């Protein structure tokens, strides 16, 4: 599988604090990748660098087809083709759902903003909410609009930061049906989560971060085995055991 996203030796420092250290991985088309780990592990920092909100202190993020020095995106200004869905919906409360989508579509400079909005309303099931002010939406519907905004430019890679943190079980199910449909169509999705069961259920691959380091990159089933759980076991229990063993080892310091 050819890589559509490459992360190579990525590092990030805030003064004396090393938030990320030598993180490297590739992502292929149609992968659904969960990024898990304890608070302060570097999950949001990693995603924010991948989408270009922050610049890395070291390393390179590259996309298939990038132009620029060494094909990289470590501050090169290359086109990223990556959609971004932050944890808190970035919506204008007084604008309707459709108006929010059209505004962001124009900011994304899509060729036909109105046609794109119509398509996204259908895909997200928000047609009946199109005229409703964003400030009146439920948390689940605001998050659906948030995801729709991230997809307006039809990116081949979508990054989501804790996408279901504020959703009830029904809203989470609808969100993941939508995201899974995009993955089936070839979109590469990376998402951070504290809900390890969600990663076990939906992800095709799991990245485990701790203390800014990438400690594991593999399938949920492989993480179960590394954490001493049987197939179909509890991935959260496996993750806790895995982290206890790896972060307490002398070489992990």
Protein backbone atom coordinates (compact mmCIF):
# COMPACT_ATOMS: atom_id res chain seq x y z
CA UNK A 1 0.00 0.00 0.00
CA UNK A 2 1.48 3.33 -1.07
CA UNK A 3 1.70 6.05 1.58
CA UNK A 4 -0.46 9.16 1.24
CA UNK A 5 1.00 10.68 4.42
CA UNK A 6 4.50 10.40 5.84
CA UNK A 7 5.73 11.52 9.25
CA UNK A 8 9.49 11.36 9.63
CA UNK A 9 11.52 11.95 12.82
CA UNK A 10 9.00 14.54 14.06
CA UNK A 11 9.90 16.50 17.17
CA UNK A 12 8.35 19.43 19.02
CA UNK A 13 9.79 21.46 21.88
CA UNK A 14 8.21 24.17 24.00
CA UNK A 15 11.26 25.59 25.75
CA UNK A 16 12.58 22.78 27.94
CA UNK A 17 9.48 20.62 27.40
CA UNK A 18 9.85 17.98 24.71
CA UNK A 19 6.25 17.31 23.55
CA UNK A 20 7.23 14.99 20.69
CA UNK A 21 10.43 13.05 20.10
CA UNK A 22 11.46 11.30 16.88
CA UNK A 23 7.94 10.22 15.82
CA UNK A 24 7.79 8.44 12.46
CA UNK A 25 5.04 6.56 10.60
CA UNK A 26 3.35 6.31 7.20
CA UNK A 27 -0.38 6.17 6.45
CA UNK A 28 -1.97 4.62 3.38
CA UNK A 29 -5.20 5.42 1.57
CA UNK A 30 -8.35 4.26 3.37
CA UNK A 31 -6.72 3.64 6.76
CA UNK A 32 -8.58 4.55 9.96
CA UNK A 33 -5.85 5.22 12.52
CA UNK A 34 -6.48 5.81 16.22
CA UNK A 35 -3.92 7.77 18.25
CA UNK A 36 -4.14 6.82 21.93
CA UNK A 37 -2.16 7.45 25.09
CA UNK A 38 -2.33 9.20 28.46
CA UNK A 39 -2.92 12.91 28.96
CA UNK A 40 0.11 14.89 27.85
CA UNK A 41 1.31 12.13 25.53
CA UNK A 42 1.47 14.49 22.53
CA UNK A 43 -1.62 13.36 20.62
CA UNK A 44 -3.07 16.80 19.87
CA UNK A 45 0.38 18.24 19.23
CA UNK A 46 1.04 15.53 16.65
CA UNK A 47 -2.25 16.17 14.84
CA UNK A 48 -1.80 19.95 14.91
CA UNK A 49 1.62 19.59 13.24
CA UNK A 50 0.27 17.17 10.64
CA UNK A 51 -2.46 19.63 9.61
CA UNK A 52 -0.10 22.63 9.66
CA UNK A 53 -1.39 24.56 12.68
CA UNK A 54 2.01 24.22 14.35
CA UNK A 55 5.47 23.87 12.86
CA UNK A 56 7.66 21.02 14.08
CA UNK A 57 10.93 21.67 15.87
CA UNK A 58 12.43 18.75 13.95
CA UNK A 59 11.40 16.31 11.25
CA UNK A 60 9.11 16.45 8.25
CA UNK A 61 5.48 15.75 7.35
CA UNK A 62 4.99 14.84 3.70
CA UNK A 63 2.04 14.16 1.44
CA UNK A 64 1.93 12.17 -1.78
CA UNK A 65 2.40 14.66 -4.61
CA UNK A 66 3.90 17.40 -2.44
CA UNK A 67 6.30 19.83 -3.99
CA UNK A 68 8.94 21.58 -1.95
CA UNK A 69 12.30 20.74 -0.42
CA UNK A 70 12.67 16.95 -0.29
CA UNK A 71 8.93 16.65 -0.85
CA UNK A 72 8.47 17.78 2.74
CA UNK A 73 6.08 19.97 4.62
CA UNK A 74 8.11 20.97 7.66
CA UNK A 75 7.37 24.66 7.11
CA UNK A 76 7.73 24.47 3.30
CA UNK A 77 4.27 25.92 2.59
CA UNK A 78 3.33 22.98 0.34
CA UNK A 79 -0.33 22.19 -0.25
CA UNK A 80 -1.39 19.76 2.44
CA UNK A 81 -4.75 18.40 1.28
CA UNK A 82 -5.57 17.54 4.88
CA UNK A 83 -8.92 18.26 6.55
CA UNK A 84 -8.95 19.27 10.22
CA UNK A 85 -11.69 18.71 12.81
CA UNK A 86 -10.75 20.21 16.20
CA UNK A 87 -12.31 18.93 19.40
CA UNK A 88 -14.40 22.09 19.89
CA UNK A 89 -16.65 22.91 16.91
CA UNK A 90 -15.49 26.14 15.25
CA UNK A 91 -18.89 27.44 14.14
CA UNK A 92 -20.54 30.85 13.95
CA UNK A 93 -23.55 30.57 16.25
CA UNK A 94 -25.72 33.14 14.45
CA UNK A 95 -25.18 31.66 11.01
CA UNK A 96 -27.25 28.74 9.82
CA UNK A 97 -25.75 25.33 9.14
CA UNK A 98 -25.77 26.02 5.39
CA UNK A 99 -24.30 29.50 5.86
CA UNK A 100 -21.48 28.12 8.01
CA UNK A 101 -20.70 25.50 5.40
CA UNK A 102 -20.75 28.03 2.56
CA UNK A 103 -18.50 30.43 4.46
CA UNK A 104 -15.90 27.75 5.10
CA UNK A 105 -16.25 26.43 1.54
CA UNK A 106 -15.34 29.88 0.24
CA UNK A 107 -12.43 30.09 2.65
CA UNK A 108 -11.28 26.71 1.28
CA UNK A 109 -11.65 28.20 -2.22
CA UNK A 110 -13.62 25.26 -3.53
CA UNK A 111 -14.63 25.61 -7.17
CA UNK A 112 -18.40 25.66 -6.58
CA UNK A 113 -19.19 26.50 -2.92
CA UNK A 114 -22.96 26.18 -3.17
CA UNK A 115 -22.85 22.83 -4.95
CA UNK A 116 -20.31 21.59 -2.39
CA UNK A 117 -22.58 22.68 0.47
CA UNK A 118 -25.54 20.85 -1.08
CA UNK A 119 -23.47 17.70 -1.43
CA UNK A 120 -22.20 17.90 2.15
CA UNK A 121 -25.69 18.46 3.58
CA UNK A 122 -26.78 15.23 1.89
CA UNK A 123 -23.72 13.24 2.93
CA UNK A 124 -23.94 14.27 6.58
CA UNK A 125 -27.71 13.96 6.88
CA UNK A 126 -27.97 17.62 7.86
CA UNK A 127 -30.40 18.63 5.14
CA UNK A 128 -33.26 19.17 7.59
CA UNK A 129 -30.99 21.34 9.74
CA UNK A 130 -29.68 23.49 6.87
CA UNK A 131 -31.56 26.63 7.91
CA UNK A 132 -31.13 26.25 11.66
CA UNK A 133 -28.71 28.60 13.46
CA UNK A 134 -25.62 26.70 14.57
CA UNK A 135 -26.04 28.02 18.10
CA UNK A 136 -29.26 26.07 18.51
CA UNK A 137 -27.87 22.71 17.46
CA UNK A 138 -27.32 19.80 19.82
CA UNK A 139 -23.74 18.80 20.58
CA UNK A 140 -24.00 15.86 18.20
CA UNK A 141 -25.27 17.97 15.32
CA UNK A 142 -22.61 20.64 15.91
CA UNK A 143 -19.97 17.94 15.69
CA UNK A 144 -21.49 16.65 12.44
CA UNK A 145 -21.21 20.17 11.01
CA UNK A 146 -17.65 20.33 12.34
CA UNK A 147 -16.75 17.14 10.47
CA UNK A 148 -18.52 18.41 7.35
CA UNK A 149 -16.38 21.56 7.42
CA UNK A 150 -13.25 19.42 7.60
CA UNK A 151 -14.36 17.57 4.46
CA UNK A 152 -15.39 20.56 2.34
CA UNK A 153 -12.20 20.57 0.32
CA UNK A 154 -12.53 16.81 -0.30
CA UNK A 155 -9.20 16.10 1.41
CA UNK A 156 -7.60 12.70 1.00
CA UNK A 157 -6.50 12.85 4.66
CA UNK A 158 -8.76 13.87 7.56
CA UNK A 159 -7.51 14.50 11.12
CA UNK A 160 -9.95 14.53 14.05
CA UNK A 161 -9.09 15.49 17.62
CA UNK A 162 -11.30 13.64 20.14
CA UNK A 163 -14.23 13.67 17.67
CA UNK A 164 -16.77 11.94 19.92
CA UNK A 165 -15.75 13.33 23.33
CA UNK A 166 -19.02 15.22 23.92
CA UNK A 167 -21.41 12.87 22.12
CA UNK A 168 -23.96 10.45 23.52
CA UNK A 169 -23.93 6.80 22.33
CA UNK A 170 -26.43 7.37 19.51
CA UNK A 171 -24.58 10.43 18.26
CA UNK A 172 -21.27 8.55 18.36
CA UNK A 173 -22.75 5.72 16.31
CA UNK A 174 -23.99 8.14 13.63
CA UNK A 175 -20.61 9.90 13.57
CA UNK A 176 -18.68 6.68 13.07
CA UNK A 177 -21.04 5.46 10.37
CA UNK A 178 -20.30 8.65 8.46
CA UNK A 179 -16.54 8.50 9.06
CA UNK A 180 -16.43 4.82 8.12
CA UNK A 181 -18.18 5.60 4.84
CA UNK A 182 -15.50 8.17 4.03
CA UNK A 183 -12.78 5.62 4.85
CA UNK A 184 -14.48 3.06 2.58
CA UNK A 185 -14.34 5.68 -0.20
CA UNK A 186 -10.56 5.98 0.27
CA UNK A 187 -10.13 8.86 2.74
CA UNK A 188 -7.33 8.32 5.26
CA UNK A 189 -8.54 9.24 8.75
CA UNK A 190 -6.43 9.83 11.86
CA UNK A 191 -8.21 10.47 15.15
CA UNK A 192 -7.10 10.96 18.74
CA UNK A 193 -9.24 9.45 21.48
CA UNK A 194 -9.32 8.56 25.16
CA UNK A 195 -12.09 6.08 24.37
CA UNK A 196 -9.97 2.98 23.81
CA UNK A 197 -13.06 0.85 23.15
CA UNK A 198 -13.85 3.17 20.26
CA UNK A 199 -10.38 2.57 18.85
CA UNK A 200 -10.83 -1.18 19.26
CA UNK A 201 -14.16 -1.13 17.47
CA UNK A 202 -13.41 1.20 14.56
CA UNK A 203 -9.66 1.59 13.95
CA UNK A 204 -7.72 -0.53 11.50
CA UNK A 205 -4.50 0.60 13.16
CA UNK A 206 -3.44 2.07 16.51
CA UNK A 207 -0.60 4.43 17.37
CA UNK A 208 0.33 4.58 21.07
CA UNK A 209 2.03 7.76 22.27
CA UNK A 210 3.52 8.33 25.73
CA UNK A 211 5.85 11.10 26.88
CA UNK A 212 6.03 12.33 23.29
CA UNK A 213 7.32 9.01 21.93
CA UNK A 214 5.65 6.56 19.57
CA UNK A 215 5.73 3.27 21.47
CA UNK A 216 3.45 1.12 19.31
CA UNK A 217 2.22 1.09 15.69
CA UNK A 218 0.03 -1.82 14.67
CA UNK A 219 -3.42 -3.35 14.62
CA UNK A 220 -5.73 -3.40 17.64
CA UNK A 221 -5.27 -7.18 17.69
CA UNK A 222 -1.50 -6.82 17.90
CA UNK A 223 -1.85 -4.36 20.80
CA UNK A 224 -4.10 -6.84 22.58
CA UNK A 225 -1.38 -9.48 22.31
CA UNK A 226 1.38 -7.09 23.39
CA UNK A 227 -0.75 -6.13 26.39
CA UNK A 228 -1.35 -9.73 27.40
CA UNK A 229 -5.00 -9.91 26.31
CA UNK A 230 -6.59 -12.66 24.18
CA UNK A 231 -8.20 -11.95 20.82
CA UNK A 232 -11.47 -10.14 21.51
CA UNK A 233 -10.17 -9.06 24.92
CA UNK A 234 -10.24 -5.62 26.51
CA UNK A 235 -8.04 -3.19 24.57
CA UNK A 236 -8.10 -0.61 27.36
CA UNK A 237 -6.75 -3.16 29.83
CA UNK A 238 -4.12 -4.20 27.28
CA UNK A 239 -3.11 -0.57 26.73
CA UNK A 240 -2.73 0.11 30.46
CA UNK A 241 -0.58 -3.01 30.90
CA UNK A 242 1.47 -2.18 27.79
CA UNK A 243 2.14 1.37 29.01
CA UNK A 244 3.01 0.19 32.51
CA UNK A 245 5.58 -2.20 31.10
CA UNK A 246 7.07 0.16 28.52
CA UNK A 247 7.18 3.39 30.51
CA UNK A 248 8.56 1.73 33.64
CA UNK A 249 11.36 -0.03 31.74
CA UNK A 250 14.83 1.54 32.26
CA UNK A 251 15.29 2.26 28.52
CA UNK A 252 11.97 4.16 28.37
CA UNK A 253 13.19 7.05 30.51
